[in-house]
Amino acid sequence: MAEPTDSAAELVNRRLLWPIAEAAELLGISKRTLYRIADHGDLKIVKIGRYAYVSDAELRRTVENLDHVGRLRGRDPGRSEMTG
């Protein structure tokens, strides 16, 4: 049997679901903000039993759309925090 390729091994080792607290930490936001993003329809939360998760694919999609998420957090994404 052939050994798995590097890309196949990476896929197997990649985490598919992130608990809410860890997903928020990865994005650099609070859990409350993550739930607000989900309530706004910009992030899908997966419930398994009484636990909530965000898929790795959803996190990546959210990062790709940070311009919109920044507006949701009350920031102007075109302005730097340093310049006020």
PDB file of N, CA and C in Angstrom:
ATOM      1  N   MET A   1       0.844  -1.179   0.000  1.00  0.00           N
ATOM      2  CA  MET A   1       0.000   0.000   0.000  1.00  0.00           C
ATOM      3  C   MET A   1       0.889   1.241   0.000  1.00  0.00           C
ATOM      4  N   ALA A   2       0.513   2.230  -0.747  1.00  0.00           N
ATOM      5  CA  ALA A   2       1.306   3.449  -0.874  1.00  0.00           C
ATOM      6  C   ALA A   2       1.185   4.317   0.380  1.00  0.00           C
ATOM      7  N   GLU A   3       2.289   4.996   0.680  1.00  0.00           N
ATOM      8  CA  GLU A   3       2.296   5.944   1.796  1.00  0.00           C
ATOM      9  C   GLU A   3       1.465   7.164   1.408  1.00  0.00           C
ATOM     10  N   PRO A   4       0.786   7.774   2.383  1.00  0.00           N
ATOM     11  CA  PRO A   4       0.027   8.983   2.055  1.00  0.00           C
ATOM     12  C   PRO A   4       0.961  10.115   1.655  1.00  0.00           C
ATOM     13  N   THR A   5       0.500  10.937   0.744  1.00  0.00           N
ATOM     14  CA  THR A   5       1.291  12.086   0.331  1.00  0.00           C
ATOM     15  C   THR A   5       1.289  13.119   1.449  1.00  0.00           C
ATOM     16  N   ASP A   6       2.209  14.085   1.370  1.00  0.00           N
ATOM     17  CA  ASP A   6       2.261  15.135   2.381  1.00  0.00           C
ATOM     18  C   ASP A   6       0.932  15.856   2.504  1.00  0.00           C
ATOM     19  N   SER A   7       0.310  16.177   1.374  1.00  0.00           N
ATOM     20  CA  SER A   7      -0.950  16.912   1.436  1.00  0.00           C
ATOM     21  C   SER A   7      -2.046  16.065   2.078  1.00  0.00           C
ATOM     22  N   ALA A   8      -2.070  14.776   1.829  1.00  0.00           N
ATOM     23  CA  ALA A   8      -3.054  13.906   2.464  1.00  0.00           C
ATOM     24  C   ALA A   8      -2.789  13.809   3.963  1.00  0.00           C
ATOM     25  N   ALA A   9      -1.511  13.724   4.351  1.00  0.00           N
ATOM     26  CA  ALA A   9      -1.164  13.669   5.767  1.00  0.00           C
ATOM     27  C   ALA A   9      -1.545  14.968   6.465  1.00  0.00           C
ATOM     28  N   GLU A  10      -1.326  16.104   5.799  1.00  0.00           N
ATOM     29  CA  GLU A  10      -1.711  17.393   6.372  1.00  0.00           C
ATOM     30  C   GLU A  10      -3.218  17.448   6.583  1.00  0.00           C
ATOM     31  N   LEU A  11      -3.982  16.954   5.623  1.00  0.00           N
ATOM     32  CA  LEU A  11      -5.429  16.976   5.720  1.00  0.00           C
ATOM     33  C   LEU A  11      -5.909  16.147   6.906  1.00  0.00           C
ATOM     34  N   VAL A  12      -5.304  14.985   7.105  1.00  0.00           N
ATOM     35  CA  VAL A  12      -5.684  14.120   8.213  1.00  0.00           C
ATOM     36  C   VAL A  12      -5.345  14.780   9.545  1.00  0.00           C
ATOM     37  N   ASN A  13      -4.218  15.488   9.623  1.00  0.00           N
ATOM     38  CA  ASN A  13      -3.781  16.103  10.871  1.00  0.00           C
ATOM     39  C   ASN A  13      -4.447  17.437  11.162  1.00  0.00           C
ATOM     40  N   ARG A  14      -5.094  18.037  10.187  1.00  0.00           N
ATOM     41  CA  ARG A  14      -5.717  19.339  10.397  1.00  0.00           C
ATOM     42  C   ARG A  14      -6.997  19.180  11.205  1.00  0.00           C
ATOM     43  N   ARG A  15      -7.173  20.053  12.158  1.00  0.00           N
ATOM     44  CA  ARG A  15      -8.355  20.041  12.992  1.00  0.00           C
ATOM     45  C   ARG A  15      -9.554  20.544  12.180  1.00  0.00           C
ATOM     46  N   LEU A  16     -10.678  19.848  12.254  1.00  0.00           N
ATOM     47  CA  LEU A  16     -11.853  20.220  11.469  1.00  0.00           C
ATOM     48  C   LEU A  16     -12.810  21.116  12.238  1.00  0.00           C
ATOM     49  N   LEU A  17     -12.904  20.931  13.554  1.00  0.00           N
ATOM     50  CA  LEU A  17     -13.801  21.730  14.375  1.00  0.00           C
ATOM     51  C   LEU A  17     -13.043  22.376  15.527  1.00  0.00           C
ATOM     52  N   TRP A  18     -13.388  23.644  15.813  1.00  0.00           N
ATOM     53  CA  TRP A  18     -12.774  24.396  16.906  1.00  0.00           C
ATOM     54  C   TRP A  18     -13.845  24.760  17.924  1.00  0.00           C
ATOM     55  N   PRO A  19     -13.601  24.490  19.214  1.00  0.00           N
ATOM     56  CA  PRO A  19     -14.528  24.977  20.233  1.00  0.00           C
ATOM     57  C   PRO A  19     -14.618  26.509  20.145  1.00  0.00           C
ATOM     58  N   ILE A  20     -15.743  27.055  20.547  1.00  0.00           N
ATOM     59  CA  ILE A  20     -15.984  28.493  20.424  1.00  0.00           C
ATOM     60  C   ILE A  20     -14.857  29.324  21.023  1.00  0.00           C
ATOM     61  N   ALA A  21     -14.411  28.995  22.221  1.00  0.00           N
ATOM     62  CA  ALA A  21     -13.355  29.785  22.877  1.00  0.00           C
ATOM     63  C   ALA A  21     -12.069  29.781  22.053  1.00  0.00           C
ATOM     64  N   GLU A  22     -11.703  28.625  21.526  1.00  0.00           N
ATOM     65  CA  GLU A  22     -10.484  28.535  20.724  1.00  0.00           C
ATOM     66  C   GLU A  22     -10.643  29.231  19.383  1.00  0.00           C
ATOM     67  N   ALA A  23     -11.827  29.134  18.787  1.00  0.00           N
ATOM     68  CA  ALA A  23     -12.081  29.812  17.512  1.00  0.00           C
ATOM     69  C   ALA A  23     -11.967  31.324  17.695  1.00  0.00           C
ATOM     70  N   ALA A  24     -12.536  31.838  18.778  1.00  0.00           N
ATOM     71  CA  ALA A  24     -12.452  33.276  19.057  1.00  0.00           C
ATOM     72  C   ALA A  24     -11.003  33.691  19.270  1.00  0.00           C
ATOM     73  N   GLU A  25     -10.263  32.874  20.000  1.00  0.00           N
ATOM     74  CA  GLU A  25      -8.845  33.182  20.248  1.00  0.00           C
ATOM     75  C   GLU A  25      -8.056  33.202  18.939  1.00  0.00           C
ATOM     76  N   LEU A  26      -8.324  32.252  18.058  1.00  0.00           N
ATOM     77  CA  LEU A  26      -7.634  32.210  16.764  1.00  0.00           C
ATOM     78  C   LEU A  26      -7.898  33.469  15.943  1.00  0.00           C
ATOM     79  N   LEU A  27      -9.119  34.007  16.045  1.00  0.00           N
ATOM     80  CA  LEU A  27      -9.471  35.210  15.305  1.00  0.00           C
ATOM     81  C   LEU A  27      -9.061  36.478  16.039  1.00  0.00           C
ATOM     82  N   GLY A  28      -8.679  36.338  17.302  1.00  0.00           N
ATOM     83  CA  GLY A  28      -8.268  37.506  18.079  1.00  0.00           C
ATOM     84  C   GLY A  28      -9.445  38.347  18.542  1.00  0.00           C
ATOM     85  N   ILE A  29     -10.570  37.679  18.784  1.00  0.00           N
ATOM     86  CA  ILE A  29     -11.776  38.375  19.228  1.00  0.00           C
ATOM     87  C   ILE A  29     -12.335  37.673  20.459  1.00  0.00           C
ATOM     88  N   SER A  30     -13.305  38.285  21.102  1.00  0.00           N
ATOM     89  CA  SER A  30     -13.940  37.666  22.257  1.00  0.00           C
ATOM     90  C   SER A  30     -14.984  36.646  21.799  1.00  0.00           C
ATOM     91  N   LYS A  31     -15.371  35.770  22.716  1.00  0.00           N
ATOM     92  CA  LYS A  31     -16.436  34.816  22.405  1.00  0.00           C
ATOM     93  C   LYS A  31     -17.729  35.560  22.087  1.00  0.00           C
ATOM     94  N   ARG A  32     -17.986  36.635  22.816  1.00  0.00           N
ATOM     95  CA  ARG A  32     -19.200  37.420  22.573  1.00  0.00           C
ATOM     96  C   ARG A  32     -19.224  37.956  21.140  1.00  0.00           C
ATOM     97  N   THR A  33     -18.085  38.486  20.693  1.00  0.00           N
ATOM     98  CA  THR A  33     -18.012  38.997  19.328  1.00  0.00           C
ATOM     99  C   THR A  33     -18.199  37.878  18.317  1.00  0.00           C
ATOM    100  N   LEU A  34     -17.644  36.711  18.590  1.00  0.00           N
ATOM    101  CA  LEU A  34     -17.809  35.572  17.691  1.00  0.00           C
ATOM    102  C   LEU A  34     -19.289  35.205  17.579  1.00  0.00           C
ATOM    103  N   TYR A  35     -19.990  35.185  18.708  1.00  0.00           N
ATOM    104  CA  TYR A  35     -21.422  34.880  18.668  1.00  0.00           C
ATOM    105  C   TYR A  35     -22.196  35.979  17.926  1.00  0.00           C
ATOM    106  N   ARG A  36     -21.794  37.247  18.065  1.00  0.00           N
ATOM    107  CA  ARG A  36     -22.455  38.332  17.329  1.00  0.00           C
ATOM    108  C   ARG A  36     -22.261  38.156  15.829  1.00  0.00           C
ATOM    109  N   ILE A  37     -21.066  37.761  15.433  1.00  0.00           N
ATOM    110  CA  ILE A  37     -20.798  37.504  14.015  1.00  0.00           C
ATOM    111  C   ILE A  37     -21.694  36.377  13.520  1.00  0.00           C
ATOM    112  N   ALA A  38     -21.831  35.326  14.328  1.00  0.00           N
ATOM    113  CA  ALA A  38     -22.692  34.196  13.959  1.00  0.00           C
ATOM    114  C   ALA A  38     -24.156  34.636  13.911  1.00  0.00           C
ATOM    115  N   ASP A  39     -24.600  35.433  14.882  1.00  0.00           N
ATOM    116  CA  ASP A  39     -25.986  35.919  14.887  1.00  0.00           C
ATOM    117  C   ASP A  39     -26.282  36.776  13.665  1.00  0.00           C
ATOM    118  N   HIS A  40     -25.257  37.462  13.175  1.00  0.00           N
ATOM    119  CA  HIS A  40     -25.407  38.309  11.995  1.00  0.00           C
ATOM    120  C   HIS A  40     -25.446  37.478  10.708  1.00  0.00           C
ATOM    121  N   GLY A  41     -25.115  36.186  10.810  1.00  0.00           N
ATOM    122  CA  GLY A  41     -25.156  35.293   9.654  1.00  0.00           C
ATOM    123  C   GLY A  41     -23.845  35.154   8.914  1.00  0.00           C
ATOM    124  N   ASP A  42     -22.758  35.673   9.507  1.00  0.00           N
ATOM    125  CA  ASP A  42     -21.465  35.631   8.829  1.00  0.00           C
ATOM    126  C   ASP A  42     -20.580  34.472   9.270  1.00  0.00           C
ATOM    127  N   LEU A  43     -21.063  33.648  10.178  1.00  0.00           N
ATOM    128  CA  LEU A  43     -20.286  32.516  10.671  1.00  0.00           C
ATOM    129  C   LEU A  43     -21.263  31.449  11.131  1.00  0.00           C
ATOM    130  N   LYS A  44     -21.092  30.241  10.636  1.00  0.00           N
ATOM    131  CA  LYS A  44     -21.981  29.146  11.005  1.00  0.00           C
ATOM    132  C   LYS A  44     -21.390  28.386  12.190  1.00  0.00           C
ATOM    133  N   ILE A  45     -22.190  28.233  13.224  1.00  0.00           N
ATOM    134  CA  ILE A  45     -21.790  27.473  14.405  1.00  0.00           C
ATOM    135  C   ILE A  45     -22.428  26.098  14.326  1.00  0.00           C
ATOM    136  N   VAL A  46     -21.643  25.071  14.633  1.00  0.00           N
ATOM    137  CA  VAL A  46     -22.103  23.685  14.617  1.00  0.00           C
ATOM    138  C   VAL A  46     -22.334  23.252  16.058  1.00  0.00           C
ATOM    139  N   LYS A  47     -23.526  22.762  16.346  1.00  0.00           N
ATOM    140  CA  LYS A  47     -23.834  22.262  17.686  1.00  0.00           C
ATOM    141  C   LYS A  47     -23.746  20.738  17.667  1.00  0.00           C
ATOM    142  N   ILE A  48     -22.995  20.205  18.611  1.00  0.00           N
ATOM    143  CA  ILE A  48     -22.920  18.757  18.807  1.00  0.00           C
ATOM    144  C   ILE A  48     -23.253  18.528  20.270  1.00  0.00           C
ATOM    145  N   GLY A  49     -24.437  17.994  20.501  1.00  0.00           N
ATOM    146  CA  GLY A  49     -24.910  17.885  21.876  1.00  0.00           C
ATOM    147  C   GLY A  49     -25.081  19.280  22.450  1.00  0.00           C
ATOM    148  N   ARG A  50     -24.487  19.509  23.603  1.00  0.00           N
ATOM    149  CA  ARG A  50     -24.598  20.840  24.216  1.00  0.00           C
ATOM    150  C   ARG A  50     -23.389  21.720  23.918  1.00  0.00           C
ATOM    151  N   TYR A  51     -22.482  21.240  23.079  1.00  0.00           N
ATOM    152  CA  TYR A  51     -21.267  21.984  22.757  1.00  0.00           C
ATOM    153  C   TYR A  51     -21.370  22.656  21.393  1.00  0.00           C
ATOM    154  N   ALA A  52     -20.739  23.810  21.292  1.00  0.00           N
ATOM    155  CA  ALA A  52     -20.758  24.574  20.041  1.00  0.00           C
ATOM    156  C   ALA A  52     -19.346  24.645  19.472  1.00  0.00           C
ATOM    157  N   TYR A  53     -19.259  24.510  18.166  1.00  0.00           N
ATOM    158  CA  TYR A  53     -17.989  24.519  17.455  1.00  0.00           C
ATOM    159  C   TYR A  53     -18.109  25.375  16.200  1.00  0.00           C
ATOM    160  N   VAL A  54     -16.948  25.749  15.672  1.00  0.00           N
ATOM    161  CA  VAL A  54     -16.875  26.399  14.367  1.00  0.00           C
ATOM    162  C   VAL A  54     -15.938  25.553  13.522  1.00  0.00           C
ATOM    163  N   SER A  55     -16.345  25.284  12.292  1.00  0.00           N
ATOM    164  CA  SER A  55     -15.494  24.465  11.429  1.00  0.00           C
ATOM    165  C   SER A  55     -14.279  25.272  10.977  1.00  0.00           C
ATOM    166  N   ASP A  56     -13.221  24.563  10.681  1.00  0.00           N
ATOM    167  CA  ASP A  56     -12.004  25.183  10.183  1.00  0.00           C
ATOM    168  C   ASP A  56     -12.303  25.967   8.898  1.00  0.00           C
ATOM    169  N   ALA A  57     -13.138  25.399   8.037  1.00  0.00           N
ATOM    170  CA  ALA A  57     -13.497  26.066   6.778  1.00  0.00           C
ATOM    171  C   ALA A  57     -14.230  27.379   7.048  1.00  0.00           C
ATOM    172  N   GLU A  58     -15.117  27.402   8.044  1.00  0.00           N
ATOM    173  CA  GLU A  58     -15.835  28.633   8.389  1.00  0.00           C
ATOM    174  C   GLU A  58     -14.877  29.691   8.923  1.00  0.00           C
ATOM    175  N   LEU A  59     -13.913  29.280   9.738  1.00  0.00           N
ATOM    176  CA  LEU A  59     -12.929  30.235  10.255  1.00  0.00           C
ATOM    177  C   LEU A  59     -12.146  30.857   9.106  1.00  0.00           C
ATOM    178  N   ARG A  60     -11.712  30.022   8.181  1.00  0.00           N
ATOM    179  CA  ARG A  60     -10.945  30.530   7.032  1.00  0.00           C
ATOM    180  C   ARG A  60     -11.791  31.468   6.175  1.00  0.00           C
ATOM    181  N   ARG A  61     -13.052  31.120   5.965  1.00  0.00           N
ATOM    182  CA  ARG A  61     -13.939  31.974   5.178  1.00  0.00           C
ATOM    183  C   ARG A  61     -14.156  33.315   5.883  1.00  0.00           C
ATOM    184  N   THR A  62     -14.296  33.282   7.196  1.00  0.00           N
ATOM    185  CA  THR A  62     -14.488  34.508   7.967  1.00  0.00           C
ATOM    186  C   THR A  62     -13.263  35.403   7.865  1.00  0.00           C
ATOM    187  N   VAL A  63     -12.074  34.799   7.939  1.00  0.00           N
ATOM    188  CA  VAL A  63     -10.846  35.579   7.818  1.00  0.00           C
ATOM    189  C   VAL A  63     -10.776  36.247   6.454  1.00  0.00           C
ATOM    190  N   GLU A  64     -11.208  35.539   5.420  1.00  0.00           N
ATOM    191  CA  GLU A  64     -11.211  36.111   4.071  1.00  0.00           C
ATOM    192  C   GLU A  64     -12.162  37.300   3.965  1.00  0.00           C
ATOM    193  N   ASN A  65     -13.153  37.364   4.841  1.00  0.00           N
ATOM    194  CA  ASN A  65     -14.151  38.432   4.812  1.00  0.00           C
ATOM    195  C   ASN A  65     -14.000  39.383   5.993  1.00  0.00           C
ATOM    196  N   LEU A  66     -12.786  39.575   6.477  1.00  0.00           N
ATOM    197  CA  LEU A  66     -12.568  40.403   7.662  1.00  0.00           C
ATOM    198  C   LEU A  66     -13.022  41.846   7.477  1.00  0.00           C
ATOM    199  N   ASP A  67     -13.067  42.339   6.275  1.00  0.00           N
ATOM    200  CA  ASP A  67     -13.536  43.699   6.039  1.00  0.00           C
ATOM    201  C   ASP A  67     -14.937  43.870   6.614  1.00  0.00           C
ATOM    202  N   HIS A  68     -15.824  42.934   6.336  1.00  0.00           N
ATOM    203  CA  HIS A  68     -17.192  42.992   6.841  1.00  0.00           C
ATOM    204  C   HIS A  68     -17.224  42.780   8.347  1.00  0.00           C
ATOM    205  N   VAL A  69     -16.440  41.831   8.833  1.00  0.00           N
ATOM    206  CA  VAL A  69     -16.402  41.539  10.260  1.00  0.00           C
ATOM    207  C   VAL A  69     -15.905  42.760  11.020  1.00  0.00           C
ATOM    208  N   GLY A  70     -14.928  43.483  10.475  1.00  0.00           N
ATOM    209  CA  GLY A  70     -14.420  44.690  11.122  1.00  0.00           C
ATOM    210  C   GLY A  70     -15.509  45.725  11.303  1.00  0.00           C
ATOM    211  N   ARG A  71     -16.366  45.887  10.300  1.00  0.00           N
ATOM    212  CA  ARG A  71     -17.475  46.826  10.413  1.00  0.00           C
ATOM    213  C   ARG A  71     -18.444  46.370  11.483  1.00  0.00           C
ATOM    214  N   LEU A  72     -18.642  45.061  11.618  1.00  0.00           N
ATOM    215  CA  LEU A  72     -19.544  44.521  12.625  1.00  0.00           C
ATOM    216  C   LEU A  72     -19.041  44.837  14.027  1.00  0.00           C
ATOM    217  N   ARG A  73     -17.727  44.851  14.192  1.00  0.00           N
ATOM    218  CA  ARG A  73     -17.141  45.143  15.495  1.00  0.00           C
ATOM    219  C   ARG A  73     -17.068  46.641  15.772  1.00  0.00           C
ATOM    220  N   GLY A  74     -17.596  47.461  14.876  1.00  0.00           N
ATOM    221  CA  GLY A  74     -17.607  48.886  15.107  1.00  0.00           C
ATOM    222  C   GLY A  74     -16.334  49.589  14.693  1.00  0.00           C
ATOM    223  N   ARG A  75     -15.523  48.936  13.892  1.00  0.00           N
ATOM    224  CA  ARG A  75     -14.276  49.529  13.418  1.00  0.00           C
ATOM    225  C   ARG A  75     -14.387  49.867  11.951  1.00  0.00           C
ATOM    226  N   ASP A  76     -13.631  50.846  11.554  1.00  0.00           N
ATOM    227  CA  ASP A  76     -13.483  51.150  10.134  1.00  0.00           C
ATOM    228  C   ASP A  76     -12.260  50.386   9.665  1.00  0.00           C
ATOM    229  N   PRO A  77     -12.419  49.308   8.855  1.00  0.00           N
ATOM    230  CA  PRO A  77     -11.273  48.484   8.478  1.00  0.00           C
ATOM    231  C   PRO A  77     -10.215  49.237   7.687  1.00  0.00           C
ATOM    232  N   GLY A  78     -10.555  50.390   7.139  1.00  0.00           N
ATOM    233  CA  GLY A  78      -9.577  51.156   6.389  1.00  0.00           C
ATOM    234  C   GLY A  78      -8.709  52.041   7.280  1.00  0.00           C
ATOM    235  N   ARG A  79      -9.050  52.123   8.562  1.00  0.00           N
ATOM    236  CA  ARG A  79      -8.297  52.967   9.487  1.00  0.00           C
ATOM    237  C   ARG A  79      -7.480  52.107  10.433  1.00  0.00           C
ATOM    238  N   SER A  80      -6.311  52.545  10.710  1.00  0.00           N
ATOM    239  CA  SER A  80      -5.424  51.854  11.632  1.00  0.00           C
ATOM    240  C   SER A  80      -5.820  52.199  13.049  1.00  0.00           C
ATOM    241  N   GLU A  81      -5.665  51.234  13.963  1.00  0.00           N
ATOM    242  CA  GLU A  81      -5.901  51.496  15.381  1.00  0.00           C
ATOM    243  C   GLU A  81      -4.970  52.582  15.896  1.00  0.00           C
ATOM    244  N   MET A  82      -3.773  52.650  15.327  1.00  0.00           N
ATOM    245  CA  MET A  82      -2.777  53.603  15.805  1.00  0.00           C
ATOM    246  C   MET A  82      -3.111  55.047  15.387  1.00  0.00           C
ATOM    247  N   THR A  83      -3.781  55.190  14.232  1.00  0.00           N
ATOM    248  CA  THR A  83      -4.057  56.538  13.750  1.00  0.00           C
ATOM    249  C   THR A  83      -5.377  57.072  14.293  1.00  0.00           C
ATOM    250  N   GLY A  84      -6.159  56.197  14.930  1.00  0.00           N
ATOM    251  CA  GLY A  84      -7.389  56.623  15.581  1.00  0.00           C
ATOM    252  C   GLY A  84      -8.441  56.854  14.624  1.00  0.00           C
TER     253      GLY A  84
END
